[in-house]
Amino acid sequence: VASITLGGSTNYEDSVKGRFTISRDNAKNTVYLQMNSLKP
């Protein structure tokens, strides 16, 4: 549904574009997915 490179370049599946945001904190070895306007 979403991916992110080490440098922060992102890609999204069409159905989630504009609603989901992927991010990462490399220092914490953590990746996040903010999901808004969720649908069934």
Full PDB file with SEQRES, HELIX, SHEET, SSBOND, CRYST1, ORIGX, SCALE, CONECT and MASTER records, all heavy atoms in Angstrom:
SEQRES   1 A   40  VAL ALA SER ILE THR LEU GLY GLY SER THR ASN TYR GLU          
SEQRES   2 A   40  ASP SER VAL LYS GLY ARG PHE THR ILE SER ARG ASP ASN          
SEQRES   3 A   40  ALA LYS ASN THR VAL TYR LEU GLN MET ASN SER LEU LYS          
SEQRES   4 A   40  PRO                                                          
HELIX    1 AA1 ASP A   14  VAL A   16  5                                   3    
HELIX    2 AA2 ASN A   26  LYS A   28  5                                   3    
SHEET    1 AA1 2 ALA A   2  ILE A   4  0                                        
SHEET    2 AA1 2 THR A  10  TYR A  12 -1                                        
SHEET    1 AA2 2 PHE A  20  ASP A  25  0                                        
SHEET    2 AA2 2 THR A  30  MET A  35 -1                                        
CRYST1    1.000    1.000    1.000  90.00  90.00  90.00 P 1           1          
ORIGX1      1.000000  0.000000  0.000000        0.00000                         
ORIGX2      0.000000  1.000000  0.000000        0.00000                         
ORIGX3      0.000000  0.000000  1.000000        0.00000                         
SCALE1      1.000000  0.000000  0.000000        0.00000                         
SCALE2      0.000000  1.000000  0.000000        0.00000                         
SCALE3      0.000000  0.000000  1.000000        0.00000                         
ATOM      1  N   VAL A   1       0.805  -1.215   0.000  1.00  0.00           N  
ATOM      2  CA  VAL A   1       0.000   0.000   0.000  1.00  0.00           C  
ATOM      3  C   VAL A   1       0.836   1.263   0.000  1.00  0.00           C  
ATOM      4  O   VAL A   1       0.387   2.305  -0.486  1.00  0.00           O  
ATOM      5  CB  VAL A   1      -1.004   0.028   1.173  1.00  0.00           C  
ATOM      6  CG1 VAL A   1      -1.984  -1.129   1.057  1.00  0.00           C  
ATOM      7  CG2 VAL A   1      -0.291  -0.019   2.517  1.00  0.00           C  
ATOM      8  N   ALA A   2       2.037   1.200   0.544  1.00  0.00           N  
ATOM      9  CA  ALA A   2       2.899   2.371   0.584  1.00  0.00           C  
ATOM     10  C   ALA A   2       4.331   1.941   0.832  1.00  0.00           C  
ATOM     11  O   ALA A   2       4.580   0.936   1.497  1.00  0.00           O  
ATOM     12  CB  ALA A   2       2.460   3.349   1.673  1.00  0.00           C  
ATOM     13  N   SER A   3       5.268   2.687   0.306  1.00  0.00           N  
ATOM     14  CA  SER A   3       6.674   2.393   0.532  1.00  0.00           C  
ATOM     15  C   SER A   3       7.463   3.683   0.632  1.00  0.00           C  
ATOM     16  O   SER A   3       7.021   4.741   0.161  1.00  0.00           O  
ATOM     17  CB  SER A   3       7.248   1.500  -0.572  1.00  0.00           C  
ATOM     18  OG  SER A   3       7.264   2.162  -1.820  1.00  0.00           O  
ATOM     19  N   ILE A   4       8.632   3.574   1.229  1.00  0.00           N  
ATOM     20  CA  ILE A   4       9.487   4.738   1.408  1.00  0.00           C  
ATOM     21  C   ILE A   4      10.940   4.307   1.351  1.00  0.00           C  
ATOM     22  O   ILE A   4      11.314   3.268   1.889  1.00  0.00           O  
ATOM     23  CB  ILE A   4       9.169   5.458   2.746  1.00  0.00           C  
ATOM     24  CG1 ILE A   4       9.979   6.744   2.881  1.00  0.00           C  
ATOM     25  CG2 ILE A   4       9.394   4.531   3.937  1.00  0.00           C  
ATOM     26  CD1 ILE A   4       9.508   7.630   4.029  1.00  0.00           C  
ATOM     27  N   THR A   5      11.760   5.091   0.694  1.00  0.00           N  
ATOM     28  CA  THR A   5      13.179   4.792   0.595  1.00  0.00           C  
ATOM     29  C   THR A   5      13.927   5.378   1.781  1.00  0.00           C  
ATOM     30  O   THR A   5      13.382   6.134   2.582  1.00  0.00           O  
ATOM     31  CB  THR A   5      13.782   5.345  -0.701  1.00  0.00           C  
ATOM     32  OG1 THR A   5      13.765   6.780  -0.657  1.00  0.00           O  
ATOM     33  CG2 THR A   5      13.009   4.866  -1.921  1.00  0.00           C  
ATOM     34  N   LEU A   6      15.179   5.024   1.880  1.00  0.00           N  
ATOM     35  CA  LEU A   6      16.018   5.529   2.953  1.00  0.00           C  
ATOM     36  C   LEU A   6      16.079   7.049   2.924  1.00  0.00           C  
ATOM     37  O   LEU A   6      16.156   7.695   3.972  1.00  0.00           O  
ATOM     38  CB  LEU A   6      17.424   4.938   2.833  1.00  0.00           C  
ATOM     39  CG  LEU A   6      18.351   5.050   4.041  1.00  0.00           C  
ATOM     40  CD1 LEU A   6      17.765   4.326   5.243  1.00  0.00           C  
ATOM     41  CD2 LEU A   6      19.723   4.464   3.686  1.00  0.00           C  
ATOM     42  N   GLY A   7      16.032   7.613   1.740  1.00  0.00           N  
ATOM     43  CA  GLY A   7      16.096   9.054   1.590  1.00  0.00           C  
ATOM     44  C   GLY A   7      14.763   9.767   1.669  1.00  0.00           C  
ATOM     45  O   GLY A   7      14.723  11.001   1.575  1.00  0.00           O  
ATOM     46  N   GLY A   8      13.671   9.011   1.818  1.00  0.00           N  
ATOM     47  CA  GLY A   8      12.367   9.622   2.002  1.00  0.00           C  
ATOM     48  C   GLY A   8      11.479   9.696   0.779  1.00  0.00           C  
ATOM     49  O   GLY A   8      10.404  10.309   0.840  1.00  0.00           O  
ATOM     50  N   SER A   9      11.877   9.086  -0.312  1.00  0.00           N  
ATOM     51  CA  SER A   9      11.021   9.045  -1.495  1.00  0.00           C  
ATOM     52  C   SER A   9       9.887   8.051  -1.264  1.00  0.00           C  
ATOM     53  O   SER A   9      10.120   6.937  -0.811  1.00  0.00           O  
ATOM     54  CB  SER A   9      11.832   8.643  -2.721  1.00  0.00           C  
ATOM     55  OG  SER A   9      11.017   8.597  -3.873  1.00  0.00           O  
ATOM     56  N   THR A  10       8.657   8.448  -1.582  1.00  0.00           N  
ATOM     57  CA  THR A  10       7.486   7.623  -1.268  1.00  0.00           C  
ATOM     58  C   THR A  10       6.712   7.206  -2.501  1.00  0.00           C  
ATOM     59  O   THR A  10       6.758   7.866  -3.542  1.00  0.00           O  
ATOM     60  CB  THR A  10       6.534   8.367  -0.326  1.00  0.00           C  
ATOM     61  OG1 THR A  10       6.103   9.584  -0.950  1.00  0.00           O  
ATOM     62  CG2 THR A  10       7.218   8.695   0.992  1.00  0.00           C  
ATOM     63  N   ASN A  11       5.996   6.103  -2.358  1.00  0.00           N  
ATOM     64  CA  ASN A  11       5.074   5.612  -3.374  1.00  0.00           C  
ATOM     65  C   ASN A  11       3.845   5.063  -2.683  1.00  0.00           C  
ATOM     66  O   ASN A  11       3.935   4.507  -1.583  1.00  0.00           O  
ATOM     67  CB  ASN A  11       5.720   4.527  -4.231  1.00  0.00           C  
ATOM     68  CG  ASN A  11       6.705   5.075  -5.228  1.00  0.00           C  
ATOM     69  OD1 ASN A  11       6.324   5.643  -6.236  1.00  0.00           O  
ATOM     70  ND2 ASN A  11       7.992   4.915  -4.948  1.00  0.00           N  
ATOM     71  N   TYR A  12       2.691   5.204  -3.351  1.00  0.00           N  
ATOM     72  CA  TYR A  12       1.429   4.772  -2.773  1.00  0.00           C  
ATOM     73  C   TYR A  12       0.591   4.008  -3.778  1.00  0.00           C  
ATOM     74  O   TYR A  12       0.607   4.305  -4.977  1.00  0.00           O  
ATOM     75  CB  TYR A  12       0.613   5.967  -2.273  1.00  0.00           C  
ATOM     76  CG  TYR A  12       1.291   6.754  -1.183  1.00  0.00           C  
ATOM     77  CD1 TYR A  12       2.077   7.858  -1.478  1.00  0.00           C  
ATOM     78  CD2 TYR A  12       1.144   6.383   0.154  1.00  0.00           C  
ATOM     79  CE1 TYR A  12       2.704   8.579  -0.482  1.00  0.00           C  
ATOM     80  CE2 TYR A  12       1.769   7.099   1.158  1.00  0.00           C  
ATOM     81  CZ  TYR A  12       2.546   8.198   0.841  1.00  0.00           C  
ATOM     82  OH  TYR A  12       3.168   8.906   1.844  1.00  0.00           O  
ATOM     83  N   GLU A  13      -0.136   3.034  -3.275  1.00  0.00           N  
ATOM     84  CA  GLU A  13      -1.122   2.353  -4.086  1.00  0.00           C  
ATOM     85  C   GLU A  13      -2.237   3.352  -4.391  1.00  0.00           C  
ATOM     86  O   GLU A  13      -2.568   4.199  -3.566  1.00  0.00           O  
ATOM     87  CB  GLU A  13      -1.644   1.128  -3.333  1.00  0.00           C  
ATOM     88  CG  GLU A  13      -2.428   0.140  -4.174  1.00  0.00           C  
ATOM     89  CD  GLU A  13      -3.901   0.461  -4.222  1.00  0.00           C  
ATOM     90  OE1 GLU A  13      -4.418   1.038  -3.240  1.00  0.00           O  
ATOM     91  OE2 GLU A  13      -4.539   0.132  -5.237  1.00  0.00           O  
ATOM     92  N   ASP A  14      -2.803   3.259  -5.576  1.00  0.00           N  
ATOM     93  CA  ASP A  14      -3.756   4.268  -6.029  1.00  0.00           C  
ATOM     94  C   ASP A  14      -4.913   4.507  -5.059  1.00  0.00           C  
ATOM     95  O   ASP A  14      -5.340   5.648  -4.863  1.00  0.00           O  
ATOM     96  CB  ASP A  14      -4.319   3.888  -7.398  1.00  0.00           C  
ATOM     97  CG  ASP A  14      -3.319   4.059  -8.515  1.00  0.00           C  
ATOM     98  OD1 ASP A  14      -2.312   4.774  -8.315  1.00  0.00           O  
ATOM     99  OD2 ASP A  14      -3.538   3.487  -9.595  1.00  0.00           O  
ATOM    100  N   SER A  15      -5.411   3.459  -4.459  1.00  0.00           N  
ATOM    101  CA  SER A  15      -6.591   3.585  -3.619  1.00  0.00           C  
ATOM    102  C   SER A  15      -6.339   4.347  -2.314  1.00  0.00           C  
ATOM    103  O   SER A  15      -7.291   4.769  -1.656  1.00  0.00           O  
ATOM    104  CB  SER A  15      -7.178   2.206  -3.297  1.00  0.00           C  
ATOM    105  OG  SER A  15      -6.321   1.465  -2.453  1.00  0.00           O  
ATOM    106  N   VAL A  16      -5.077   4.530  -1.940  1.00  0.00           N  
ATOM    107  CA  VAL A  16      -4.774   5.218  -0.688  1.00  0.00           C  
ATOM    108  C   VAL A  16      -4.112   6.570  -0.903  1.00  0.00           C  
ATOM    109  O   VAL A  16      -3.858   7.286   0.072  1.00  0.00           O  
ATOM    110  CB  VAL A  16      -3.893   4.356   0.249  1.00  0.00           C  
ATOM    111  CG1 VAL A  16      -4.506   2.978   0.443  1.00  0.00           C  
ATOM    112  CG2 VAL A  16      -2.468   4.242  -0.285  1.00  0.00           C  
ATOM    113  N   LYS A  17      -3.860   6.927  -2.129  1.00  0.00           N  
ATOM    114  CA  LYS A  17      -3.225   8.211  -2.421  1.00  0.00           C  
ATOM    115  C   LYS A  17      -4.073   9.361  -1.892  1.00  0.00           C  
ATOM    116  O   LYS A  17      -5.281   9.399  -2.078  1.00  0.00           O  
ATOM    117  CB  LYS A  17      -3.011   8.382  -3.924  1.00  0.00           C  
ATOM    118  CG  LYS A  17      -1.880   7.554  -4.491  1.00  0.00           C  
ATOM    119  CD  LYS A  17      -1.701   7.813  -5.977  1.00  0.00           C  
ATOM    120  CE  LYS A  17      -0.546   7.006  -6.543  1.00  0.00           C  
ATOM    121  NZ  LYS A  17      -0.394   7.211  -7.998  1.00  0.00           N  
ATOM    122  N   GLY A  18      -3.413  10.284  -1.225  1.00  0.00           N  
ATOM    123  CA  GLY A  18      -4.107  11.422  -0.657  1.00  0.00           C  
ATOM    124  C   GLY A  18      -4.684  11.172   0.709  1.00  0.00           C  
ATOM    125  O   GLY A  18      -5.115  12.120   1.378  1.00  0.00           O  
ATOM    126  N   ARG A  19      -4.713   9.912   1.136  1.00  0.00           N  
ATOM    127  CA  ARG A  19      -5.268   9.560   2.439  1.00  0.00           C  
ATOM    128  C   ARG A  19      -4.221   9.026   3.406  1.00  0.00           C  
ATOM    129  O   ARG A  19      -4.306   9.276   4.602  1.00  0.00           O  
ATOM    130  CB  ARG A  19      -6.381   8.522   2.284  1.00  0.00           C  
ATOM    131  CG  ARG A  19      -7.535   8.972   1.399  1.00  0.00           C  
ATOM    132  CD  ARG A  19      -8.704   7.995   1.448  1.00  0.00           C  
ATOM    133  NE  ARG A  19      -8.340   6.673   0.942  1.00  0.00           N  
ATOM    134  CZ  ARG A  19      -8.379   5.554   1.671  1.00  0.00           C  
ATOM    135  NH1 ARG A  19      -8.778   5.602   2.940  1.00  0.00           N  
ATOM    136  NH2 ARG A  19      -8.040   4.394   1.131  1.00  0.00           N  
ATOM    137  N   PHE A  20      -3.256   8.287   2.883  1.00  0.00           N  
ATOM    138  CA  PHE A  20      -2.219   7.681   3.717  1.00  0.00           C  
ATOM    139  C   PHE A  20      -0.894   8.404   3.518  1.00  0.00           C  
ATOM    140  O   PHE A  20      -0.586   8.879   2.419  1.00  0.00           O  
ATOM    141  CB  PHE A  20      -2.015   6.207   3.355  1.00  0.00           C  
ATOM    142  CG  PHE A  20      -3.145   5.287   3.727  1.00  0.00           C  
ATOM    143  CD1 PHE A  20      -4.370   5.774   4.159  1.00  0.00           C  
ATOM    144  CD2 PHE A  20      -2.970   3.914   3.645  1.00  0.00           C  
ATOM    145  CE1 PHE A  20      -5.408   4.924   4.496  1.00  0.00           C  
ATOM    146  CE2 PHE A  20      -3.999   3.050   3.977  1.00  0.00           C  
ATOM    147  CZ  PHE A  20      -5.217   3.547   4.402  1.00  0.00           C  
ATOM    148  N   THR A  21      -0.105   8.462   4.576  1.00  0.00           N  
ATOM    149  CA  THR A  21       1.225   9.038   4.508  1.00  0.00           C  
ATOM    150  C   THR A  21       2.209   8.114   5.215  1.00  0.00           C  
ATOM    151  O   THR A  21       2.034   7.800   6.388  1.00  0.00           O  
ATOM    152  CB  THR A  21       1.276  10.427   5.158  1.00  0.00           C  
ATOM    153  OG1 THR A  21       0.347  11.304   4.518  1.00  0.00           O  
ATOM    154  CG2 THR A  21       2.681  11.021   5.023  1.00  0.00           C  
ATOM    155  N   ILE A  22       3.226   7.686   4.498  1.00  0.00           N  
ATOM    156  CA  ILE A  22       4.262   6.854   5.082  1.00  0.00           C  
ATOM    157  C   ILE A  22       5.462   7.721   5.431  1.00  0.00           C  
ATOM    158  O   ILE A  22       5.800   8.661   4.705  1.00  0.00           O  
ATOM    159  CB  ILE A  22       4.663   5.703   4.135  1.00  0.00           C  
ATOM    160  CG1 ILE A  22       5.612   4.721   4.830  1.00  0.00           C  
ATOM    161  CG2 ILE A  22       5.272   6.236   2.843  1.00  0.00           C  
ATOM    162  CD1 ILE A  22       5.879   3.451   4.028  1.00  0.00           C  
ATOM    163  N   SER A  23       6.095   7.424   6.549  1.00  0.00           N  
ATOM    164  CA  SER A  23       7.277   8.158   6.966  1.00  0.00           C  
ATOM    165  C   SER A  23       8.190   7.216   7.739  1.00  0.00           C  
ATOM    166  O   SER A  23       7.793   6.103   8.097  1.00  0.00           O  
ATOM    167  CB  SER A  23       6.905   9.377   7.820  1.00  0.00           C  
ATOM    168  OG  SER A  23       6.228   8.984   8.999  1.00  0.00           O  
ATOM    169  N   ARG A  24       9.401   7.653   7.991  1.00  0.00           N  
ATOM    170  CA  ARG A  24      10.328   6.815   8.748  1.00  0.00           C  
ATOM    171  C   ARG A  24      11.257   7.662   9.584  1.00  0.00           C  
ATOM    172  O   ARG A  24      11.604   8.787   9.224  1.00  0.00           O  
ATOM    173  CB  ARG A  24      11.124   5.894   7.815  1.00  0.00           C  
ATOM    174  CG  ARG A  24      12.073   6.598   6.859  1.00  0.00           C  
ATOM    175  CD  ARG A  24      12.589   5.654   5.770  1.00  0.00           C  
ATOM    176  NE  ARG A  24      13.407   4.571   6.305  1.00  0.00           N  
ATOM    177  CZ  ARG A  24      13.859   3.534   5.592  1.00  0.00           C  
ATOM    178  NH1 ARG A  24      13.544   3.454   4.295  1.00  0.00           N  
ATOM    179  NH2 ARG A  24      14.595   2.593   6.153  1.00  0.00           N  
ATOM    180  N   ASP A  25      11.649   7.101  10.702  1.00  0.00           N  
ATOM    181  CA  ASP A  25      12.636   7.698  11.578  1.00  0.00           C  
ATOM    182  C   ASP A  25      13.789   6.710  11.617  1.00  0.00           C  
ATOM    183  O   ASP A  25      13.756   5.725  12.349  1.00  0.00           O  
ATOM    184  CB  ASP A  25      12.059   7.935  12.974  1.00  0.00           C  
ATOM    185  CG  ASP A  25      13.013   8.682  13.890  1.00  0.00           C  
ATOM    186  OD1 ASP A  25      14.241   8.613  13.671  1.00  0.00           O  
ATOM    187  OD2 ASP A  25      12.535   9.339  14.828  1.00  0.00           O  
ATOM    188  N   ASN A  26      14.785   6.963  10.820  1.00  0.00           N  
ATOM    189  CA  ASN A  26      15.886   6.018  10.683  1.00  0.00           C  
ATOM    190  C   ASN A  26      16.668   5.834  11.978  1.00  0.00           C  
ATOM    191  O   ASN A  26      17.170   4.748  12.253  1.00  0.00           O  
ATOM    192  CB  ASN A  26      16.821   6.472   9.559  1.00  0.00           C  
ATOM    193  CG  ASN A  26      16.154   6.434   8.198  1.00  0.00           C  
ATOM    194  OD1 ASN A  26      15.353   5.539   7.912  1.00  0.00           O  
ATOM    195  ND2 ASN A  26      16.479   7.397   7.353  1.00  0.00           N  
ATOM    196  N   ALA A  27      16.772   6.887  12.772  1.00  0.00           N  
ATOM    197  CA  ALA A  27      17.488   6.795  14.037  1.00  0.00           C  
ATOM    198  C   ALA A  27      16.793   5.846  15.005  1.00  0.00           C  
ATOM    199  O   ALA A  27      17.438   5.229  15.853  1.00  0.00           O  
ATOM    200  CB  ALA A  27      17.640   8.170  14.669  1.00  0.00           C  
ATOM    201  N   LYS A  28      15.475   5.737  14.896  1.00  0.00           N  
ATOM    202  CA  LYS A  28      14.698   4.867  15.772  1.00  0.00           C  
ATOM    203  C   LYS A  28      14.336   3.538  15.118  1.00  0.00           C  
ATOM    204  O   LYS A  28      13.634   2.728  15.723  1.00  0.00           O  
ATOM    205  CB  LYS A  28      13.415   5.569  16.212  1.00  0.00           C  
ATOM    206  CG  LYS A  28      13.647   6.785  17.093  1.00  0.00           C  
ATOM    207  CD  LYS A  28      12.329   7.386  17.541  1.00  0.00           C  
ATOM    208  CE  LYS A  28      12.548   8.560  18.472  1.00  0.00           C  
ATOM    209  NZ  LYS A  28      11.274   9.149  18.938  1.00  0.00           N  
ATOM    210  N   ASN A  29      14.801   3.328  13.901  1.00  0.00           N  
ATOM    211  CA  ASN A  29      14.480   2.109  13.153  1.00  0.00           C  
ATOM    212  C   ASN A  29      12.976   1.869  13.104  1.00  0.00           C  
ATOM    213  O   ASN A  29      12.507   0.739  13.274  1.00  0.00           O  
ATOM    214  CB  ASN A  29      15.192   0.899  13.768  1.00  0.00           C  
ATOM    215  CG  ASN A  29      16.695   1.019  13.710  1.00  0.00           C  
ATOM    216  OD1 ASN A  29      17.263   1.268  12.651  1.00  0.00           O  
ATOM    217  ND2 ASN A  29      17.347   0.832  14.844  1.00  0.00           N  
ATOM    218  N   THR A  30      12.244   2.927  12.868  1.00  0.00           N  
ATOM    219  CA  THR A  30      10.792   2.870  12.898  1.00  0.00           C  
ATOM    220  C   THR A  30      10.197   3.466  11.634  1.00  0.00           C  
ATOM    221  O   THR A  30      10.666   4.497  11.149  1.00  0.00           O  
ATOM    222  CB  THR A  30      10.242   3.613  14.125  1.00  0.00           C  
ATOM    223  OG1 THR A  30      10.811   3.046  15.315  1.00  0.00           O  
ATOM    224  CG2 THR A  30       8.732   3.499  14.206  1.00  0.00           C  
ATOM    225  N   VAL A  31       9.162   2.812  11.131  1.00  0.00           N  
ATOM    226  CA  VAL A  31       8.403   3.291   9.983  1.00  0.00           C  
ATOM    227  C   VAL A  31       6.966   3.513  10.433  1.00  0.00           C  
ATOM    228  O   VAL A  31       6.423   2.723  11.203  1.00  0.00           O  
ATOM    229  CB  VAL A  31       8.447   2.296   8.816  1.00  0.00           C  
ATOM    230  CG1 VAL A  31       7.724   2.860   7.603  1.00  0.00           C  
ATOM    231  CG2 VAL A  31       9.888   1.963   8.453  1.00  0.00           C  
ATOM    232  N   TYR A  32       6.357   4.574   9.939  1.00  0.00           N  
ATOM    233  CA  TYR A  32       5.008   4.928  10.333  1.00  0.00           C  
ATOM    234  C   TYR A  32       4.078   4.951   9.127  1.00  0.00           C  
ATOM    235  O   TYR A  32       4.503   5.154   7.995  1.00  0.00           O  
ATOM    236  CB  TYR A  32       4.970   6.306  10.995  1.00  0.00           C  
ATOM    237  CG  TYR A  32       5.908   6.458  12.168  1.00  0.00           C  
ATOM    238  CD1 TYR A  32       7.178   7.005  12.006  1.00  0.00           C  
ATOM    239  CD2 TYR A  32       5.524   6.055  13.443  1.00  0.00           C  
ATOM    240  CE1 TYR A  32       8.040   7.148  13.076  1.00  0.00           C  
ATOM    241  CE2 TYR A  32       6.376   6.192  14.519  1.00  0.00           C  
ATOM    242  CZ  TYR A  32       7.629   6.741  14.333  1.00  0.00           C  
ATOM    243  OH  TYR A  32       8.475   6.880  15.404  1.00  0.00           O  
ATOM    244  N   LEU A  33       2.810   4.759   9.403  1.00  0.00           N  
ATOM    245  CA  LEU A  33       1.789   4.923   8.381  1.00  0.00           C  
ATOM    246  C   LEU A  33       0.629   5.692   8.994  1.00  0.00           C  
ATOM    247  O   LEU A  33      -0.100   5.159   9.832  1.00  0.00           O  
ATOM    248  CB  LEU A  33       1.298   3.577   7.843  1.00  0.00           C  
ATOM    249  CG  LEU A  33       0.308   3.665   6.676  1.00  0.00           C  
ATOM    250  CD1 LEU A  33       0.992   4.243   5.437  1.00  0.00           C  
ATOM    251  CD2 LEU A  33      -0.296   2.296   6.361  1.00  0.00           C  
ATOM    252  N   GLN A  34       0.488   6.936   8.593  1.00  0.00           N  
ATOM    253  CA  GLN A  34      -0.637   7.753   9.012  1.00  0.00           C  
ATOM    254  C   GLN A  34      -1.775   7.514   8.041  1.00  0.00           C  
ATOM    255  O   GLN A  34      -1.628   7.744   6.839  1.00  0.00           O  
ATOM    256  CB  GLN A  34      -0.256   9.230   9.034  1.00  0.00           C  
ATOM    257  CG  GLN A  34      -1.388  10.167   9.421  1.00  0.00           C  
ATOM    258  CD  GLN A  34      -1.840   9.987  10.849  1.00  0.00           C  
ATOM    259  OE1 GLN A  34      -1.017   9.921  11.754  1.00  0.00           O  
ATOM    260  NE2 GLN A  34      -3.151   9.887  11.057  1.00  0.00           N  
ATOM    261  N   MET A  35      -2.902   7.058   8.552  1.00  0.00           N  
ATOM    262  CA  MET A  35      -4.046   6.722   7.725  1.00  0.00           C  
ATOM    263  C   MET A  35      -5.209   7.638   8.083  1.00  0.00           C  
ATOM    264  O   MET A  35      -5.690   7.619   9.214  1.00  0.00           O  
ATOM    265  CB  MET A  35      -4.449   5.263   7.913  1.00  0.00           C  
ATOM    266  CG  MET A  35      -3.313   4.279   7.660  1.00  0.00           C  
ATOM    267  SD  MET A  35      -3.857   2.555   7.745  1.00  0.00           S  
ATOM    268  CE  MET A  35      -4.294   2.455   9.475  1.00  0.00           C  
ATOM    269  N   ASN A  36      -5.637   8.426   7.121  1.00  0.00           N  
ATOM    270  CA  ASN A  36      -6.762   9.334   7.302  1.00  0.00           C  
ATOM    271  C   ASN A  36      -7.896   8.953   6.359  1.00  0.00           C  
ATOM    272  O   ASN A  36      -7.699   8.230   5.390  1.00  0.00           O  
ATOM    273  CB  ASN A  36      -6.337  10.779   7.040  1.00  0.00           C  
ATOM    274  CG  ASN A  36      -5.252  11.264   7.976  1.00  0.00           C  
ATOM    275  OD1 ASN A  36      -5.218  10.905   9.147  1.00  0.00           O  
ATOM    276  ND2 ASN A  36      -4.359  12.111   7.459  1.00  0.00           N  
ATOM    277  N   SER A  37      -9.070   9.484   6.645  1.00  0.00           N  
ATOM    278  CA  SER A  37     -10.247   9.235   5.806  1.00  0.00           C  
ATOM    279  C   SER A  37     -10.423   7.752   5.522  1.00  0.00           C  
ATOM    280  O   SER A  37     -10.641   7.337   4.382  1.00  0.00           O  
ATOM    281  CB  SER A  37     -10.133  10.024   4.498  1.00  0.00           C  
ATOM    282  OG  SER A  37     -10.001  11.406   4.740  1.00  0.00           O  
ATOM    283  N   LEU A  38     -10.346   6.963   6.553  1.00  0.00           N  
ATOM    284  CA  LEU A  38     -10.400   5.515   6.393  1.00  0.00           C  
ATOM    285  C   LEU A  38     -11.754   5.041   5.872  1.00  0.00           C  
ATOM    286  O   LEU A  38     -12.793   5.597   6.213  1.00  0.00           O  
ATOM    287  CB  LEU A  38     -10.076   4.830   7.714  1.00  0.00           C  
ATOM    288  CG  LEU A  38      -8.582   4.827   8.071  1.00  0.00           C  
ATOM    289  CD1 LEU A  38      -8.381   4.546   9.547  1.00  0.00           C  
ATOM    290  CD2 LEU A  38      -7.849   3.792   7.219  1.00  0.00           C  
ATOM    291  N   LYS A  39     -11.691   4.015   5.057  1.00  0.00           N  
ATOM    292  CA  LYS A  39     -12.864   3.417   4.447  1.00  0.00           C  
ATOM    293  C   LYS A  39     -12.977   1.951   4.862  1.00  0.00           C  
ATOM    294  O   LYS A  39     -11.975   1.335   5.217  1.00  0.00           O  
ATOM    295  CB  LYS A  39     -12.766   3.490   2.918  1.00  0.00           C  
ATOM    296  CG  LYS A  39     -12.554   4.883   2.358  1.00  0.00           C  
ATOM    297  CD  LYS A  39     -12.349   4.825   0.850  1.00  0.00           C  
ATOM    298  CE  LYS A  39     -12.128   6.211   0.275  1.00  0.00           C  
ATOM    299  NZ  LYS A  39     -11.905   6.159  -1.197  1.00  0.00           N  
ATOM    300  N   PRO A  40     -14.169   1.389   4.803  1.00  0.00           N  
ATOM    301  CA  PRO A  40     -14.306  -0.040   5.118  1.00  0.00           C  
ATOM    302  C   PRO A  40     -13.392  -0.924   4.274  1.00  0.00           C  
ATOM    303  O   PRO A  40     -12.938  -1.964   4.757  1.00  0.00           O  
ATOM    304  CB  PRO A  40     -15.784  -0.317   4.819  1.00  0.00           C  
ATOM    305  CG  PRO A  40     -16.459   0.979   5.086  1.00  0.00           C  
ATOM    306  CD  PRO A  40     -15.484   2.021   4.594  1.00  0.00           C  
TER     307      PRO A  40                                                      
MASTER        0    0    0    2    4    0    0    6  306    1    0    4          
END                                                                             
